Every structure is written in C-alpha cells, then in structure tokens.
Amino acid sequence: MKKSKTQGLTQKSEWNTVNWRKLEITVFKLQKRIYQASKRGDVPVVRKLQKTLMKSWSAKMLAVRKVTQENKG
C-alpha cells in the first residue's frame, strides 16, 4: 500500500488492509543490514542505514501499531 509522505491512512478500513507481515519483513531486512554492517565495523553504513530505518514508513507504521494496539496499559 503506497501512500505519499504527506497523505496518511484516512479510514479505519485502510488501516485494516495494511499488509503487516510485509512491513515486518521490510523492517527486519533493514535491521539485518544494520547488524551486518555493524559486525563488519562499517560505521558510516550503519549510520546511513539507521537513518533510513528511522525515516521509513514501514517502521513508523509498525511503531504506531505497537503503541495503539499491542501495548497494554
């Protein structure tokens, strides 16, 4: 589900149609690349990948989902 950076999910039905597994895989692959670069000692690549992860739509969506649906309290 592609959305522009300024356009969010507007309806509840859109939230329910998000392919969460695909987002999890995307974030996991990026985290894996960060780990591999870290293991190699490639600090500039680690920083670049971390910045990419922080700005990624997939990571943001998963964070919002965790806070709104999975957290108890």
N, C-alpha and C. Protein backbone atom coordinates (compact mmCIF):
# COMPACT_ATOMS: atom_id res chain seq x y z
N MET A 1 0.85 -1.17 0.00
CA MET A 1 0.00 0.00 0.00
C MET A 1 0.90 1.23 0.00
N LYS A 2 0.95 1.92 -1.12
CA LYS A 2 1.79 3.09 -1.26
C LYS A 2 0.99 4.35 -0.92
N LYS A 3 1.57 5.18 -0.11
CA LYS A 3 0.96 6.47 0.24
C LYS A 3 2.05 7.52 0.12
N SER A 4 1.67 8.74 -0.23
CA SER A 4 2.65 9.81 -0.26
C SER A 4 3.04 10.17 1.17
N LYS A 5 4.15 10.88 1.29
CA LYS A 5 4.64 11.22 2.63
C LYS A 5 3.69 12.15 3.38
N THR A 6 2.91 12.93 2.65
CA THR A 6 2.01 13.88 3.31
C THR A 6 0.61 13.32 3.50
N GLN A 7 0.34 12.19 2.91
CA GLN A 7 -1.01 11.63 2.99
C GLN A 7 -1.00 10.41 3.89
N GLY A 8 -1.84 10.41 4.89
CA GLY A 8 -1.91 9.29 5.82
C GLY A 8 -3.05 8.36 5.49
N LEU A 9 -3.23 7.38 6.34
CA LEU A 9 -4.38 6.49 6.19
C LEU A 9 -5.58 7.21 6.77
N THR A 10 -6.60 7.38 5.97
CA THR A 10 -7.72 8.21 6.39
C THR A 10 -8.87 7.44 7.01
N GLN A 11 -9.06 6.21 6.61
CA GLN A 11 -10.20 5.47 7.11
C GLN A 11 -9.74 4.22 7.85
N LYS A 12 -10.60 3.80 8.75
CA LYS A 12 -10.30 2.60 9.53
C LYS A 12 -10.13 1.39 8.62
N SER A 13 -10.90 1.34 7.55
CA SER A 13 -10.81 0.21 6.63
C SER A 13 -9.43 0.14 5.98
N GLU A 14 -8.81 1.28 5.72
CA GLU A 14 -7.47 1.29 5.15
C GLU A 14 -6.46 0.72 6.15
N TRP A 15 -6.63 1.05 7.42
CA TRP A 15 -5.75 0.54 8.46
C TRP A 15 -5.82 -0.98 8.52
N ASN A 16 -7.02 -1.51 8.33
CA ASN A 16 -7.22 -2.95 8.39
C ASN A 16 -6.70 -3.68 7.16
N THR A 17 -6.46 -2.97 6.08
CA THR A 17 -5.97 -3.62 4.86
C THR A 17 -4.46 -3.58 4.73
N VAL A 18 -3.77 -2.98 5.68
CA VAL A 18 -2.31 -2.91 5.63
C VAL A 18 -1.74 -4.32 5.75
N ASN A 19 -0.79 -4.63 4.90
CA ASN A 19 -0.12 -5.93 4.94
C ASN A 19 0.99 -5.86 6.00
N TRP A 20 0.64 -6.15 7.24
CA TRP A 20 1.57 -6.00 8.36
C TRP A 20 2.78 -6.92 8.23
N ARG A 21 2.56 -8.11 7.71
CA ARG A 21 3.67 -9.06 7.56
C ARG A 21 4.73 -8.50 6.60
N LYS A 22 4.28 -7.88 5.52
CA LYS A 22 5.20 -7.29 4.55
C LYS A 22 6.01 -6.16 5.20
N LEU A 23 5.35 -5.35 6.02
CA LEU A 23 6.05 -4.27 6.71
C LEU A 23 7.09 -4.83 7.69
N GLU A 24 6.71 -5.89 8.41
CA GLU A 24 7.63 -6.52 9.35
C GLU A 24 8.86 -7.06 8.63
N ILE A 25 8.65 -7.67 7.48
CA ILE A 25 9.76 -8.22 6.70
C ILE A 25 10.68 -7.10 6.22
N THR A 26 10.09 -6.01 5.74
CA THR A 26 10.87 -4.87 5.27
C THR A 26 11.75 -4.31 6.38
N VAL A 27 11.17 -4.12 7.56
CA VAL A 27 11.92 -3.58 8.69
C VAL A 27 12.99 -4.58 9.15
N PHE A 28 12.64 -5.86 9.18
CA PHE A 28 13.60 -6.87 9.60
C PHE A 28 14.81 -6.91 8.67
N LYS A 29 14.58 -6.81 7.36
CA LYS A 29 15.69 -6.83 6.41
C LYS A 29 16.62 -5.64 6.62
N LEU A 30 16.04 -4.50 6.90
CA LEU A 30 16.86 -3.31 7.16
C LEU A 30 17.64 -3.47 8.46
N GLN A 31 16.99 -4.01 9.49
CA GLN A 31 17.69 -4.26 10.75
C GLN A 31 18.82 -5.27 10.56
N LYS A 32 18.61 -6.24 9.72
CA LYS A 32 19.63 -7.25 9.44
C LYS A 32 20.83 -6.61 8.74
N ARG A 33 20.56 -5.70 7.80
CA ARG A 33 21.65 -4.99 7.12
C ARG A 33 22.44 -4.12 8.10
N ILE A 34 21.74 -3.50 9.06
CA ILE A 34 22.41 -2.70 10.09
C ILE A 34 23.33 -3.58 10.91
N TYR A 35 22.84 -4.74 11.32
CA TYR A 35 23.64 -5.68 12.11
C TYR A 35 24.87 -6.13 11.34
N GLN A 36 24.69 -6.47 10.08
CA GLN A 36 25.82 -6.96 9.28
C GLN A 36 26.88 -5.88 9.09
N ALA A 37 26.45 -4.64 8.85
CA ALA A 37 27.40 -3.53 8.71
C ALA A 37 28.11 -3.27 10.03
N SER A 38 27.39 -3.39 11.13
CA SER A 38 27.98 -3.21 12.45
C SER A 38 29.03 -4.28 12.73
N LYS A 39 28.71 -5.49 12.35
CA LYS A 39 29.63 -6.61 12.56
C LYS A 39 30.92 -6.41 11.75
N ARG A 40 30.79 -5.81 10.56
CA ARG A 40 31.96 -5.51 9.72
C ARG A 40 32.74 -4.31 10.24
N GLY A 41 32.12 -3.53 11.11
CA GLY A 41 32.76 -2.32 11.62
C GLY A 41 32.61 -1.14 10.68
N ASP A 42 31.64 -1.18 9.80
CA ASP A 42 31.42 -0.14 8.81
C ASP A 42 30.47 0.93 9.38
N VAL A 43 31.02 1.82 10.20
CA VAL A 43 30.22 2.80 10.93
C VAL A 43 29.44 3.74 10.01
N PRO A 44 30.03 4.27 8.93
CA PRO A 44 29.23 5.16 8.07
C PRO A 44 27.99 4.48 7.48
N VAL A 45 28.13 3.22 7.10
CA VAL A 45 26.99 2.48 6.55
C VAL A 45 25.95 2.23 7.64
N VAL A 46 26.41 1.91 8.85
CA VAL A 46 25.49 1.70 9.97
C VAL A 46 24.66 2.95 10.21
N ARG A 47 25.32 4.09 10.25
CA ARG A 47 24.60 5.35 10.49
C ARG A 47 23.61 5.66 9.38
N LYS A 48 24.03 5.41 8.14
CA LYS A 48 23.14 5.66 7.00
C LYS A 48 21.91 4.75 7.07
N LEU A 49 22.12 3.49 7.37
CA LEU A 49 21.01 2.55 7.45
C LEU A 49 20.09 2.86 8.64
N GLN A 50 20.67 3.28 9.76
CA GLN A 50 19.85 3.65 10.91
C GLN A 50 18.97 4.85 10.58
N LYS A 51 19.54 5.81 9.86
CA LYS A 51 18.77 6.98 9.45
C LYS A 51 17.63 6.56 8.52
N THR A 52 17.95 5.65 7.61
CA THR A 52 16.93 5.13 6.70
C THR A 52 15.81 4.45 7.46
N LEU A 53 16.17 3.65 8.46
CA LEU A 53 15.17 2.95 9.27
C LEU A 53 14.29 3.94 10.03
N MET A 54 14.90 4.96 10.60
CA MET A 54 14.14 5.95 11.37
C MET A 54 13.13 6.71 10.50
N LYS A 55 13.46 6.90 9.21
CA LYS A 55 12.59 7.65 8.32
C LYS A 55 11.63 6.76 7.53
N SER A 56 11.77 5.45 7.69
CA SER A 56 10.97 4.54 6.86
C SER A 56 9.51 4.53 7.29
N TRP A 57 8.64 4.51 6.30
CA TRP A 57 7.20 4.45 6.54
C TRP A 57 6.83 3.15 7.23
N SER A 58 7.48 2.06 6.84
CA SER A 58 7.20 0.75 7.43
C SER A 58 7.47 0.75 8.93
N ALA A 59 8.61 1.29 9.34
CA ALA A 59 8.96 1.32 10.76
C ALA A 59 7.99 2.20 11.54
N LYS A 60 7.61 3.31 10.95
CA LYS A 60 6.66 4.22 11.61
C LYS A 60 5.30 3.55 11.79
N MET A 61 4.85 2.86 10.75
CA MET A 61 3.56 2.17 10.84
C MET A 61 3.58 1.10 11.92
N LEU A 62 4.66 0.33 11.98
CA LEU A 62 4.77 -0.72 12.99
C LEU A 62 4.83 -0.13 14.40
N ALA A 63 5.50 1.02 14.54
CA ALA A 63 5.58 1.68 15.84
C ALA A 63 4.20 2.15 16.30
N VAL A 64 3.45 2.75 15.39
CA VAL A 64 2.10 3.22 15.73
C VAL A 64 1.21 2.04 16.09
N ARG A 65 1.33 0.97 15.33
CA ARG A 65 0.53 -0.23 15.62
C ARG A 65 0.85 -0.79 17.00
N LYS A 66 2.13 -0.83 17.32
CA LYS A 66 2.54 -1.37 18.62
C LYS A 66 1.97 -0.53 19.76
N VAL A 67 2.06 0.78 19.63
CA VAL A 67 1.58 1.67 20.68
C VAL A 67 0.06 1.63 20.80
N THR A 68 -0.63 1.60 19.68
CA THR A 68 -2.09 1.70 19.73
C THR A 68 -2.82 0.38 19.93
N GLN A 69 -2.22 -0.73 19.51
CA GLN A 69 -2.95 -1.99 19.55
C GLN A 69 -2.33 -3.04 20.45
N GLU A 70 -1.02 -3.10 20.51
CA GLU A 70 -0.39 -4.20 21.23
C GLU A 70 -0.04 -3.88 22.67
N ASN A 71 0.23 -2.61 22.97
CA ASN A 71 0.58 -2.25 24.34
C ASN A 71 -0.63 -2.38 25.25
N LYS A 72 -0.38 -2.84 26.45
CA LYS A 72 -1.45 -2.94 27.44
C LYS A 72 -1.15 -1.94 28.55
N GLY A 73 -2.11 -1.10 28.83
CA GLY A 73 -1.89 -0.16 29.91
C GLY A 73 -2.32 1.22 29.62
